[in-house]
Amino acid sequence: MLIPDLKEAVVLAGAGGLHRYINRVNVMEVPDVIDWVRPGEFLITSGFPFRDQPDLISDMIPQLNQKGVSALGIKTKRFIDEIPARALELADQLDFPIFELPSSTSFSDVVRDIMERVLVQEARELSQLQSRFQKLSKQLLHGDGIEDFLRSLDGMLHNPIVLLDDMDHLFCSPQAEELGFHSQSPVWIQLRDEAGLGICFITLGERRIRAYVSAVNDKQMNQCLLILLEWNQELTMVDQLTIDRVGVLVGLEMINANARREVELKYVDQFLQDWISGRIVAGEDLKLRAEACGCPLPDQAMTAAVVGWLEMKPEVKQLQQAVKRIRTRPDLQHVKMTIMEGELAVTIADNGDRPLTDTLQRLLTELSAVCAKDTFVFCIGDKVSRPDLVHFSYESAKKIYHIREICDFREPFIDYRKLGVFRLLYHLPELEEIRDYRDQYLIPLLDYDNKHNVSLLQTLTQYFKNSRNVKKTSAALFTHYNTVTYRIERACELLNLNSDDGDDMLELQLALKLHEMRPYDKQRAPQNRR
């Protein structure tokens, strides 16, 4: 022992916990002290509370350890002869140090000596913390940026640091970069979802380590996280406090960076909207504006798409969050996204390394992180050969978007091929002859369903959706096979159609498709129509 008043003290148990940090001393002279102890305390006692029941020490050891008490010192030979073996056994199991104090020990001297050392150590740590904070503050004031900031922090703490921003984009210190932590983004994103702030454990490669996580308040939807990894050396309390204190500086820098990015993105959005809508006519103008905005367009074939919503469309803030997320993804740099006419519009340049379907699937995954999964689809326009023709692809994507809304298509990726006959029916004008054609098939079926409380129309719709397979139709409707067969026969009888005649079935299916696009409205139908 370096403390003179404890030089004759003996470690009876828990030697594995001698590294525990002591930040205060407390004297215990009553047995019910558990509610009053604090983490980091060195608890000392004359043994008086246990004079009649020494076994109470055994019961107290796990409770003190759970409360975070650093160690226990007990005088013997006066009130108790020895510390029970059970208490020492528990202390060894928990690495909870128990000291036997000589009877001559003066508690006031022990408290004074230990607290002097604690205060000196805390003053030293406070000075170190202040020095670090001032150095990093000056660095950010000089406008060196977040990368240089992390480099300095890396050198101070001698451990890797990772910053996860509100868009799940990673900034790595030099050590973290060398170790390849930038490629393990799922680990950090999972840390945001599952771990609380403070000390936690994470697995990187084959190594499980401690990490200290601190939230950075940058006023964004998601918190930024500053993560210090215990990779080269043990994390100290000063290291943890440093991360907490500099989080304020990081937050201010991220706010400034976001403000600059917002201004830049406004110019980018204006360019993308002008380009996709076809307002930039000359190819040379398109090239110059693209380069000026920092998003040059490759001279490759392109495809435009519009995001359609199956449920209620998200608020504008969520759409903006989605755009920001896509733009920060390094593997989606061939994708341009913006908000046009209140909807998300996307352009995808041909990428030899990645087919269009792979890019669309990646976009689906990224958008699902911002918007609810399975609540949106991509309406995909025709491919065009050059960037200056992309407005044609966008116009076709908008048509598909409108047809999808009318027909309620719910597949995640919809192009003209998926629309089938609807792409033709969509262009039919609102003529009396077309409504008459639809109604001559629909009205008898609807009247029969209302009168007899059956589902001929629903059965026929499912029948054609299942390629006229009665077995699949009955399964889709949870209805007996014979019932489905009867309904189909009854419907054909009502309409004077032959179910084996291909032309008859085509006419009926067209009428049903027209009904899907432009449902029959009994209130708007002329009263004399039958």
Protein backbone atom coordinates (compact mmCIF):
# COMPACT_ATOMS: atom_id res chain seq x y z
CA MET A 1 0.00 0.00 0.00
CA LEU A 2 1.28 3.46 -0.93
CA ILE A 3 -0.91 5.11 1.73
CA PRO A 4 1.02 5.17 5.05
CA ASP A 5 -2.03 4.46 7.22
CA LEU A 6 -2.79 1.32 5.21
CA LYS A 7 0.73 -0.09 4.88
CA GLU A 8 -0.07 -2.84 7.43
CA ALA A 9 -3.45 -3.70 5.87
CA VAL A 10 -3.77 -7.22 4.41
CA VAL A 11 -5.72 -8.20 1.29
CA LEU A 12 -7.78 -11.18 2.47
CA ALA A 13 -9.82 -11.74 -0.72
CA GLY A 14 -10.79 -10.28 -4.10
CA ALA A 15 -7.24 -9.50 -5.26
CA GLY A 16 -8.50 -9.62 -8.86
CA GLY A 17 -10.35 -6.35 -8.24
CA LEU A 18 -7.44 -4.27 -6.94
CA HIS A 19 -7.56 -2.18 -10.12
CA ARG A 20 -10.94 -0.76 -9.13
CA TYR A 21 -11.13 3.03 -9.13
CA ILE A 22 -11.69 4.77 -5.75
CA ASN A 23 -13.25 8.23 -5.77
CA ARG A 24 -14.35 8.58 -2.12
CA VAL A 25 -14.18 6.96 1.34
CA ASN A 26 -17.15 6.13 3.57
CA VAL A 27 -17.23 4.88 7.17
CA MET A 28 -19.83 2.23 8.04
CA GLU A 29 -20.96 1.91 11.63
CA VAL A 30 -24.53 0.66 11.01
CA PRO A 31 -25.55 -2.57 9.23
CA ASP A 32 -28.21 -1.01 6.94
CA VAL A 33 -25.76 1.04 4.89
CA ILE A 34 -26.64 -0.44 1.48
CA ASP A 35 -29.04 2.35 0.48
CA TRP A 36 -26.41 5.01 1.22
CA VAL A 37 -23.29 3.70 -0.50
CA ARG A 38 -22.13 5.09 -3.86
CA PRO A 39 -20.18 3.63 -6.81
CA GLY A 40 -16.42 4.00 -6.42
CA GLU A 41 -16.46 4.13 -2.61
CA PHE A 42 -13.89 2.47 -0.33
CA LEU A 43 -16.04 1.38 2.62
CA ILE A 44 -14.28 1.02 6.01
CA THR A 45 -15.69 -0.25 9.32
CA SER A 46 -14.57 -1.06 12.85
CA GLY A 47 -16.65 -4.23 12.72
CA PHE A 48 -19.06 -2.88 15.33
CA PRO A 49 -22.20 -3.45 13.14
CA PHE A 50 -21.30 -7.16 12.95
CA ARG A 51 -20.23 -7.79 16.54
CA ASP A 52 -23.18 -10.11 17.21
CA GLN A 53 -23.74 -11.41 13.65
CA PRO A 54 -20.50 -11.69 11.63
CA ASP A 55 -22.34 -13.69 8.96
CA LEU A 56 -24.11 -10.49 7.88
CA ILE A 57 -20.86 -9.62 6.08
CA SER A 58 -21.45 -12.57 3.70
CA ASP A 59 -24.93 -11.29 2.84
CA MET A 60 -23.63 -7.77 2.27
CA ILE A 61 -20.74 -8.57 -0.14
CA PRO A 62 -22.88 -9.24 -3.29
CA GLN A 63 -25.01 -6.16 -2.54
CA LEU A 64 -21.98 -3.89 -2.17
CA ASN A 65 -20.51 -5.26 -5.38
CA GLN A 66 -23.77 -4.66 -7.23
CA LYS A 67 -23.86 -1.07 -5.96
CA GLY A 68 -20.40 -0.47 -7.45
CA VAL A 69 -18.51 -0.16 -4.16
CA SER A 70 -14.78 -0.50 -4.91
CA ALA A 71 -13.54 -2.28 -1.75
CA LEU A 72 -14.29 -3.06 1.91
CA GLY A 73 -11.86 -2.57 4.84
CA ILE A 74 -12.66 -4.17 8.22
CA LYS A 75 -10.88 -3.86 11.56
CA THR A 76 -10.57 -7.19 13.36
CA LYS A 77 -9.64 -8.31 16.87
CA ARG A 78 -11.81 -5.70 18.56
CA PHE A 79 -15.48 -6.33 17.75
CA ILE A 80 -15.05 -9.42 15.54
CA ASP A 81 -12.19 -11.92 15.69
CA GLU A 82 -12.12 -12.75 11.99
CA ILE A 83 -14.03 -12.28 8.74
CA PRO A 84 -16.23 -15.31 7.91
CA ALA A 85 -14.79 -17.71 5.32
CA ARG A 86 -18.04 -17.54 3.31
CA ALA A 87 -17.63 -13.76 2.90
CA LEU A 88 -14.05 -14.20 1.66
CA GLU A 89 -15.14 -16.91 -0.76
CA LEU A 90 -17.84 -14.65 -2.24
CA ALA A 91 -15.37 -11.76 -2.49
CA ASP A 92 -12.93 -13.94 -4.47
CA GLN A 93 -15.71 -15.02 -6.82
CA LEU A 94 -16.71 -11.39 -7.45
CA ASP A 95 -13.15 -9.95 -7.46
CA PHE A 96 -14.34 -7.67 -4.67
CA PRO A 97 -11.33 -6.63 -2.50
CA ILE A 98 -11.61 -7.11 1.27
CA PHE A 99 -8.85 -5.62 3.46
CA GLU A 100 -8.10 -6.57 7.06
CA LEU A 101 -7.22 -3.30 8.81
CA PRO A 102 -4.96 -3.24 11.88
CA SER A 103 -6.63 -2.18 15.13
CA SER A 104 -4.42 0.91 15.29
CA THR A 105 -5.84 2.32 12.05
CA SER A 106 -7.18 5.88 12.39
CA PHE A 107 -10.20 6.29 10.12
CA SER A 108 -9.85 10.08 9.96
CA ASP A 109 -6.25 9.72 8.71
CA VAL A 110 -7.31 7.11 6.13
CA VAL A 111 -10.09 9.35 4.84
CA ARG A 112 -7.73 12.34 4.63
CA ASP A 113 -4.91 10.47 2.86
CA ILE A 114 -7.14 8.74 0.30
CA MET A 115 -9.19 11.83 -0.50
CA GLU A 116 -6.01 13.88 -0.96
CA ARG A 117 -4.83 11.38 -3.56
CA VAL A 118 -8.28 11.25 -5.18
CA LEU A 119 -8.43 15.04 -5.45
CA VAL A 120 -4.90 15.25 -6.89
CA GLN A 121 -5.76 12.57 -9.44
CA GLU A 122 -9.06 14.26 -10.33
CA ALA A 123 -7.31 17.62 -10.72
CA ARG A 124 -4.75 15.99 -13.03
CA GLU A 125 -7.53 14.36 -15.07
CA LEU A 126 -9.51 17.60 -15.20
CA SER A 127 -6.45 19.44 -16.46
CA GLN A 128 -5.87 16.78 -19.12
CA LEU A 129 -9.53 16.91 -20.13
CA GLN A 130 -9.45 20.71 -20.38
CA SER A 131 -6.26 20.62 -22.44
CA ARG A 132 -7.78 18.15 -24.89
CA PHE A 133 -10.97 20.16 -25.19
CA GLN A 134 -9.13 23.43 -25.87
CA LYS A 135 -6.90 21.86 -28.51
CA LEU A 136 -9.84 20.30 -30.36
CA SER A 137 -11.90 23.50 -30.06
CA LYS A 138 -9.14 25.53 -31.73
CA GLN A 139 -8.85 22.94 -34.45
CA LEU A 140 -12.54 23.16 -35.35
CA LEU A 141 -12.50 26.98 -35.11
CA HIS A 142 -9.76 27.01 -37.75
CA GLY A 143 -12.13 25.09 -40.02
CA ASP A 144 -10.05 21.92 -40.36
CA GLY A 145 -13.18 19.77 -40.69
CA ILE A 146 -14.44 16.59 -39.08
CA GLU A 147 -11.81 14.31 -40.68
CA ASP A 148 -8.87 16.23 -39.15
CA PHE A 149 -10.78 16.45 -35.87
CA LEU A 150 -11.07 12.64 -35.73
CA ARG A 151 -7.38 12.32 -36.62
CA SER A 152 -6.40 14.45 -33.62
CA LEU A 153 -8.80 12.61 -31.31
CA ASP A 154 -7.36 9.31 -32.55
CA GLY A 155 -3.85 10.48 -31.59
CA MET A 156 -4.95 11.69 -28.15
CA LEU A 157 -6.84 8.58 -27.09
CA HIS A 158 -4.68 5.96 -28.87
CA ASN A 159 -7.78 4.01 -29.83
CA PRO A 160 -9.93 3.98 -33.01
CA ILE A 161 -12.97 6.30 -33.20
CA VAL A 162 -16.04 6.05 -35.42
CA LEU A 163 -18.64 8.78 -36.03
CA LEU A 164 -22.04 7.63 -37.30
CA ASP A 165 -24.08 10.54 -38.64
CA ASP A 166 -27.88 10.86 -38.79
CA MET A 167 -27.92 9.26 -42.27
CA ASP A 168 -25.90 6.23 -41.06
CA HIS A 169 -22.86 7.53 -42.95
CA LEU A 170 -19.53 6.62 -41.32
CA PHE A 171 -16.58 8.87 -40.57
CA CYS A 172 -13.54 6.88 -39.41
CA SER A 173 -10.40 8.00 -37.60
CA PRO A 174 -7.11 6.86 -39.23
CA GLN A 175 -6.85 3.76 -37.00
CA ALA A 176 -10.47 2.81 -37.70
CA GLU A 177 -9.88 3.33 -41.43
CA GLU A 178 -6.79 1.12 -41.42
CA LEU A 179 -8.68 -1.64 -39.61
CA GLY A 180 -11.41 -1.55 -42.28
CA PHE A 181 -14.21 -0.53 -39.91
CA HIS A 182 -15.84 1.58 -42.67
CA SER A 183 -16.92 -1.66 -44.37
CA GLN A 184 -18.76 -2.90 -41.26
CA SER A 185 -21.56 -0.33 -41.30
CA PRO A 186 -24.28 -2.86 -40.23
CA VAL A 187 -22.48 -3.19 -36.88
CA TRP A 188 -22.69 0.54 -36.23
CA ILE A 189 -26.29 0.88 -37.42
CA GLN A 190 -27.27 -2.02 -35.16
CA LEU A 191 -25.51 -0.22 -32.32
CA ARG A 192 -27.89 2.73 -32.81
CA ASP A 193 -30.93 0.44 -32.70
CA GLU A 194 -29.96 -1.91 -29.88
CA ALA A 195 -27.40 -0.39 -27.58
CA GLY A 196 -27.88 2.35 -25.04
CA LEU A 197 -25.36 5.11 -24.48
CA GLY A 198 -22.21 4.49 -22.42
CA ILE A 199 -20.19 1.27 -22.23
CA CYS A 200 -21.32 -1.65 -24.39
CA PHE A 201 -19.78 -4.67 -26.10
CA ILE A 202 -19.57 -5.20 -29.86
CA THR A 203 -18.04 -7.86 -32.11
CA LEU A 204 -15.72 -6.75 -34.90
CA GLY A 205 -14.45 -9.62 -37.02
CA GLU A 206 -13.42 -12.33 -34.57
CA ARG A 207 -12.79 -9.92 -31.72
CA ARG A 208 -15.27 -8.86 -29.03
CA ILE A 209 -14.39 -5.51 -27.49
CA ARG A 210 -15.72 -2.78 -25.24
CA ALA A 211 -16.90 0.46 -26.79
CA TYR A 212 -17.98 3.78 -25.34
CA VAL A 213 -20.94 5.37 -27.13
CA SER A 214 -21.86 9.05 -26.77
CA ALA A 215 -24.76 10.84 -28.47
CA VAL A 216 -24.02 13.95 -30.50
CA ASN A 217 -26.89 16.43 -30.64
CA ASP A 218 -26.91 17.89 -34.15
CA LYS A 219 -30.68 18.57 -34.26
CA GLN A 220 -31.32 15.88 -36.89
CA MET A 221 -34.03 13.19 -36.92
CA ASN A 222 -31.53 10.51 -35.81
CA GLN A 223 -28.80 11.15 -33.26
CA CYS A 224 -25.19 11.11 -34.39
CA LEU A 225 -23.10 8.65 -32.40
CA LEU A 226 -19.45 9.12 -31.43
CA ILE A 227 -17.96 5.69 -30.67
CA LEU A 228 -14.61 5.06 -28.94
CA LEU A 229 -13.32 1.49 -29.29
CA GLU A 230 -11.16 -0.29 -26.70
CA TRP A 231 -8.82 -1.72 -29.33
CA ASN A 232 -5.21 -0.88 -28.37
CA GLN A 233 -5.49 -0.01 -24.69
CA GLU A 234 -8.05 0.09 -21.87
CA LEU A 235 -10.50 2.99 -21.88
CA THR A 236 -9.97 5.36 -18.96
CA MET A 237 -12.53 7.57 -17.28
CA VAL A 238 -10.81 10.61 -18.83
CA ASP A 239 -11.14 9.05 -22.28
CA GLN A 240 -14.86 8.57 -21.74
CA LEU A 241 -15.29 12.12 -20.43
CA THR A 242 -13.33 13.41 -23.42
CA ILE A 243 -15.75 11.72 -25.81
CA ASP A 244 -18.71 13.19 -23.92
CA ARG A 245 -17.26 16.72 -23.85
CA VAL A 246 -16.11 16.87 -27.47
CA GLY A 247 -19.52 15.58 -28.54
CA VAL A 248 -20.70 19.19 -28.21
CA LEU A 249 -17.99 20.31 -30.65
CA VAL A 250 -18.82 17.51 -33.07
CA GLY A 251 -22.50 18.47 -32.89
CA LEU A 252 -21.71 22.09 -33.81
CA GLU A 253 -19.48 20.97 -36.68
CA MET A 254 -22.18 18.60 -37.96
CA ILE A 255 -24.76 21.42 -37.78
CA ASN A 256 -22.45 23.64 -39.85
CA ALA A 257 -21.76 20.84 -42.31
CA ASN A 258 -25.48 20.13 -42.64
CA ALA A 259 -26.21 23.83 -43.24
CA ARG A 260 -23.60 23.96 -46.02
CA ARG A 261 -24.93 20.73 -47.46
CA GLU A 262 -28.51 22.05 -47.44
CA VAL A 263 -27.46 25.06 -49.54
CA GLU A 264 -25.53 22.86 -51.95
CA LEU A 265 -28.41 20.39 -52.23
CA LYS A 266 -30.86 23.16 -53.17
CA TYR A 267 -28.75 23.87 -56.26
CA VAL A 268 -28.48 20.15 -56.98
CA ASP A 269 -32.25 19.69 -56.60
CA GLN A 270 -32.98 22.61 -58.93
CA PHE A 271 -30.65 21.16 -61.54
CA LEU A 272 -32.10 17.65 -61.25
CA GLN A 273 -35.66 18.96 -61.54
CA ASP A 274 -34.81 21.04 -64.62
CA TRP A 275 -32.97 18.12 -66.20
CA ILE A 276 -35.53 15.38 -65.53
CA SER A 277 -38.46 17.57 -66.63
CA GLY A 278 -36.69 18.43 -69.92
CA ARG A 279 -36.27 22.16 -69.26
CA ILE A 280 -32.56 22.00 -70.18
CA VAL A 281 -32.65 21.64 -73.96
CA ALA A 282 -29.06 21.98 -75.16
CA GLY A 283 -26.68 19.11 -74.43
CA GLU A 284 -23.80 21.50 -73.72
CA ASP A 285 -25.89 23.43 -71.16
CA LEU A 286 -26.79 20.16 -69.48
CA LYS A 287 -23.14 19.15 -69.20
CA LEU A 288 -22.04 22.55 -67.82
CA ARG A 289 -24.81 22.74 -65.20
CA ALA A 290 -24.21 19.15 -64.10
CA GLU A 291 -20.50 19.81 -63.52
CA ALA A 292 -21.21 23.13 -61.78
CA CYS A 293 -23.50 21.35 -59.29
CA GLY A 294 -20.96 18.62 -58.61
CA CYS A 295 -23.02 15.80 -60.12
CA PRO A 296 -21.64 15.08 -63.60
CA LEU A 297 -23.81 12.81 -65.75
CA PRO A 298 -22.20 9.82 -67.48
CA ASP A 299 -22.86 9.58 -71.21
CA GLN A 300 -24.77 6.33 -70.78
CA ALA A 301 -28.25 4.92 -71.16
CA MET A 302 -30.59 5.92 -68.34
CA THR A 303 -33.89 4.91 -66.78
CA ALA A 304 -36.22 7.14 -64.76
CA ALA A 305 -38.65 5.97 -62.09
CA VAL A 306 -41.27 7.49 -59.79
CA VAL A 307 -42.04 6.13 -56.32
CA GLY A 308 -45.72 5.33 -55.81
CA TRP A 309 -47.28 4.96 -52.36
CA LEU A 310 -49.60 2.10 -51.42
CA GLU A 311 -50.76 3.79 -48.24
CA MET A 312 -50.66 7.43 -47.15
CA LYS A 313 -47.74 9.34 -48.68
CA PRO A 314 -45.07 10.35 -46.11
CA GLU A 315 -44.56 13.97 -45.15
CA VAL A 316 -42.09 16.11 -47.09
CA LYS A 317 -39.50 15.86 -44.28
CA GLN A 318 -39.45 12.09 -44.63
CA LEU A 319 -39.09 12.34 -48.41
CA GLN A 320 -36.18 14.75 -47.95
CA GLN A 321 -34.62 12.33 -45.47
CA ALA A 322 -34.89 9.57 -48.08
CA VAL A 323 -33.18 11.75 -50.72
CA LYS A 324 -30.32 12.56 -48.33
CA ARG A 325 -29.88 8.90 -47.46
CA ILE A 326 -29.60 7.81 -51.10
CA ARG A 327 -27.12 10.59 -51.93
CA THR A 328 -24.73 9.54 -49.15
CA ARG A 329 -24.47 5.93 -50.31
CA PRO A 330 -21.15 5.33 -52.13
CA ASP A 331 -22.57 2.33 -54.05
CA LEU A 332 -25.50 4.41 -55.38
CA GLN A 333 -23.57 7.27 -56.98
CA HIS A 334 -25.01 6.29 -60.39
CA VAL A 335 -28.46 7.07 -58.95
CA LYS A 336 -29.91 10.59 -58.80
CA MET A 337 -32.97 11.26 -56.63
CA THR A 338 -35.03 14.39 -56.03
CA ILE A 339 -38.59 15.46 -55.22
CA MET A 340 -40.69 16.45 -58.25
CA GLU A 341 -44.36 17.40 -58.14
CA GLY A 342 -44.44 16.15 -54.55
CA GLU A 343 -43.13 12.68 -55.45
CA LEU A 344 -39.74 10.96 -55.34
CA ALA A 345 -38.20 10.86 -58.82
CA VAL A 346 -35.17 8.68 -59.57
CA THR A 347 -32.76 8.33 -62.49
CA ILE A 348 -30.48 5.31 -62.79
CA ALA A 349 -27.51 5.29 -65.15
CA ASP A 350 -26.51 2.00 -66.76
CA ASN A 351 -23.91 0.35 -64.57
CA GLY A 352 -21.98 -2.48 -66.17
CA ASP A 353 -21.13 -3.95 -62.77
CA ARG A 354 -24.70 -3.91 -61.49
CA PRO A 355 -27.94 -4.69 -63.39
CA LEU A 356 -30.94 -2.36 -63.06
CA THR A 357 -32.80 -4.92 -60.92
CA ASP A 358 -29.96 -4.97 -58.37
CA THR A 359 -29.95 -1.18 -58.11
CA LEU A 360 -33.73 -1.11 -57.67
CA GLN A 361 -33.51 -3.73 -54.94
CA ARG A 362 -30.83 -1.67 -53.19
CA LEU A 363 -33.04 1.43 -53.42
CA LEU A 364 -35.94 -0.56 -51.99
CA THR A 365 -33.81 -1.55 -48.99
CA GLU A 366 -32.56 1.99 -48.37
CA LEU A 367 -36.01 3.58 -48.62
CA SER A 368 -37.41 0.95 -46.25
CA ALA A 369 -35.03 2.30 -43.60
CA VAL A 370 -36.74 5.71 -43.81
CA CYS A 371 -40.31 4.83 -44.82
CA ALA A 372 -42.32 1.83 -43.68
CA LYS A 373 -41.52 -1.38 -45.54
CA ASP A 374 -43.97 -2.61 -48.21
CA THR A 375 -45.72 0.77 -48.44
CA PHE A 376 -44.28 1.91 -51.78
CA VAL A 377 -43.46 0.71 -55.30
CA PHE A 378 -41.20 1.86 -58.13
CA CYS A 379 -42.93 2.87 -61.37
CA ILE A 380 -40.20 2.40 -63.98
CA GLY A 381 -40.13 4.31 -67.26
CA ASP A 382 -38.62 3.30 -70.61
CA LYS A 383 -34.85 3.27 -70.93
CA VAL A 384 -33.34 6.11 -73.01
CA SER A 385 -29.94 6.12 -74.71
CA ARG A 386 -28.60 9.49 -73.45
CA PRO A 387 -28.94 11.76 -70.39
CA ASP A 388 -30.53 14.57 -72.45
CA LEU A 389 -33.44 12.23 -73.29
CA VAL A 390 -34.22 11.27 -69.70
CA HIS A 391 -37.41 13.39 -69.64
CA PHE A 392 -39.00 10.86 -72.03
CA SER A 393 -38.30 8.10 -69.52
CA TYR A 394 -39.71 10.27 -66.74
CA GLU A 395 -42.93 10.93 -68.69
CA SER A 396 -43.45 7.20 -69.25
CA ALA A 397 -42.77 6.56 -65.54
CA LYS A 398 -45.47 9.11 -64.64
CA LYS A 399 -47.97 7.34 -66.93
CA ILE A 400 -47.21 4.05 -65.21
CA TYR A 401 -47.61 5.83 -61.87
CA HIS A 402 -51.13 6.99 -62.82
CA ILE A 403 -52.14 3.59 -64.20
CA ARG A 404 -50.86 1.92 -61.03
CA GLU A 405 -52.97 4.24 -58.89
CA ILE A 406 -56.09 3.44 -60.90
CA CYS A 407 -55.53 -0.32 -61.04
CA ASP A 408 -53.94 -0.66 -57.58
CA PHE A 409 -50.88 -2.61 -58.69
CA ARG A 410 -48.83 -3.58 -55.63
CA GLU A 411 -45.73 -5.29 -57.01
CA PRO A 412 -42.52 -3.54 -55.85
CA PHE A 413 -41.28 -2.87 -59.42
CA ILE A 414 -43.77 -1.96 -62.17
CA ASP A 415 -42.90 -1.25 -65.80
CA TYR A 416 -44.96 -1.30 -69.01
CA ARG A 417 -44.58 -5.06 -69.34
CA LYS A 418 -46.16 -5.58 -65.90
CA LEU A 419 -49.18 -3.45 -66.89
CA GLY A 420 -50.28 -5.81 -69.65
CA VAL A 421 -53.51 -4.75 -71.33
CA PHE A 422 -53.96 -1.86 -68.88
CA ARG A 423 -51.40 0.18 -70.82
CA LEU A 424 -53.83 0.13 -73.77
CA LEU A 425 -57.03 0.58 -71.77
CA TYR A 426 -55.52 3.60 -70.01
CA HIS A 427 -55.41 5.52 -73.30
CA LEU A 428 -59.06 4.84 -74.17
CA PRO A 429 -61.13 8.04 -73.98
CA GLU A 430 -64.19 8.41 -71.74
CA LEU A 431 -66.74 7.46 -74.42
CA GLU A 432 -70.33 6.30 -74.01
CA GLU A 433 -69.61 3.23 -76.16
CA ILE A 434 -66.82 2.10 -73.81
CA ARG A 435 -69.04 2.47 -70.73
CA ASP A 436 -71.82 0.56 -72.53
CA TYR A 437 -69.43 -2.26 -73.37
CA ARG A 438 -68.33 -2.53 -69.73
CA ASP A 439 -71.84 -2.28 -68.30
CA GLN A 440 -73.40 -4.96 -70.51
CA TYR A 441 -71.27 -7.47 -68.61
CA LEU A 442 -71.08 -5.78 -65.21
CA ILE A 443 -74.70 -4.86 -64.53
CA PRO A 444 -76.16 -8.41 -64.80
CA LEU A 445 -73.44 -9.73 -62.48
CA LEU A 446 -73.87 -6.94 -59.91
CA ASP A 447 -77.67 -7.25 -59.95
CA TYR A 448 -77.47 -11.01 -59.45
CA ASP A 449 -74.94 -10.64 -56.61
CA ASN A 450 -77.13 -8.08 -54.81
CA LYS A 451 -80.31 -10.10 -55.26
CA HIS A 452 -78.90 -13.50 -54.24
CA ASN A 453 -76.09 -12.37 -51.91
CA VAL A 454 -73.39 -14.23 -53.84
CA SER A 455 -70.05 -13.19 -55.36
CA LEU A 456 -70.08 -13.88 -59.09
CA LEU A 457 -68.07 -10.75 -59.93
CA GLN A 458 -65.41 -11.41 -57.29
CA THR A 459 -65.16 -15.05 -58.37
CA LEU A 460 -64.70 -14.13 -62.04
CA THR A 461 -62.03 -11.55 -61.16
CA GLN A 462 -60.04 -14.12 -59.20
CA TYR A 463 -60.68 -16.73 -61.90
CA PHE A 464 -58.92 -14.61 -64.54
CA LYS A 465 -56.17 -13.53 -62.12
CA ASN A 466 -55.38 -17.21 -61.57
CA SER A 467 -55.23 -17.97 -65.33
CA ARG A 468 -58.69 -19.56 -65.28
CA ASN A 469 -57.52 -22.24 -62.86
CA VAL A 470 -60.51 -23.26 -60.72
CA LYS A 471 -58.39 -24.97 -58.07
CA LYS A 472 -56.22 -21.88 -57.48
CA THR A 473 -59.30 -19.64 -57.55
CA SER A 474 -61.05 -21.70 -54.86
CA ALA A 475 -57.90 -21.53 -52.70
CA ALA A 476 -57.65 -17.74 -53.13
CA LEU A 477 -61.32 -17.30 -52.17
CA PHE A 478 -61.28 -19.96 -49.42
CA THR A 479 -64.30 -21.45 -51.19
CA HIS A 480 -65.10 -25.04 -52.18
CA TYR A 481 -64.05 -26.10 -55.69
CA ASN A 482 -67.62 -27.04 -56.69
CA THR A 483 -68.96 -23.67 -55.51
CA VAL A 484 -66.45 -21.81 -57.70
CA THR A 485 -67.32 -24.02 -60.68
CA TYR A 486 -71.03 -23.34 -60.18
CA ARG A 487 -70.50 -19.56 -59.94
CA ILE A 488 -68.49 -19.46 -63.18
CA GLU A 489 -71.10 -21.51 -65.01
CA ARG A 490 -73.91 -19.34 -63.61
CA ALA A 491 -72.13 -16.14 -64.66
CA CYS A 492 -71.59 -17.42 -68.22
CA GLU A 493 -75.23 -18.46 -68.37
CA LEU A 494 -76.38 -14.98 -67.26
CA LEU A 495 -74.19 -13.29 -69.88
CA ASN A 496 -74.93 -15.84 -72.59
CA LEU A 497 -71.23 -16.73 -72.91
CA ASN A 498 -69.45 -20.00 -73.57
CA SER A 499 -66.62 -20.61 -71.07
CA ASP A 500 -64.84 -22.76 -73.67
CA ASP A 501 -64.91 -20.02 -76.29
CA GLY A 502 -61.68 -17.98 -76.21
CA ASP A 503 -63.29 -14.89 -77.78
CA ASP A 504 -66.15 -14.91 -75.27
CA MET A 505 -63.70 -15.13 -72.37
CA LEU A 506 -61.53 -12.35 -73.84
CA GLU A 507 -64.56 -10.02 -74.09
CA LEU A 508 -65.54 -10.75 -70.50
CA GLN A 509 -61.99 -10.24 -69.23
CA LEU A 510 -61.72 -6.89 -71.05
CA ALA A 511 -64.94 -5.75 -69.41
CA LEU A 512 -63.56 -6.74 -65.99
CA LYS A 513 -60.31 -4.87 -66.70
CA LEU A 514 -62.27 -1.76 -67.66
CA HIS A 515 -64.19 -2.11 -64.41
CA GLU A 516 -60.90 -2.24 -62.45
CA MET A 517 -59.75 0.98 -64.11
CA ARG A 518 -63.10 2.77 -64.16
CA PRO A 519 -65.45 1.10 -61.67
CA TYR A 520 -69.15 1.06 -62.47
CA ASP A 521 -70.98 3.75 -60.47
CA LYS A 522 -74.65 2.92 -60.06
CA GLN A 523 -75.53 6.49 -59.02
CA ARG A 524 -73.94 8.00 -62.12
CA ALA A 525 -75.32 5.40 -64.53
CA PRO A 526 -78.31 6.44 -66.68
CA GLN A 527 -81.57 5.09 -65.23
CA ASN A 528 -82.70 3.47 -68.50
CA ARG A 529 -79.50 1.41 -68.87
CA ARG A 530 -79.94 -2.26 -68.16
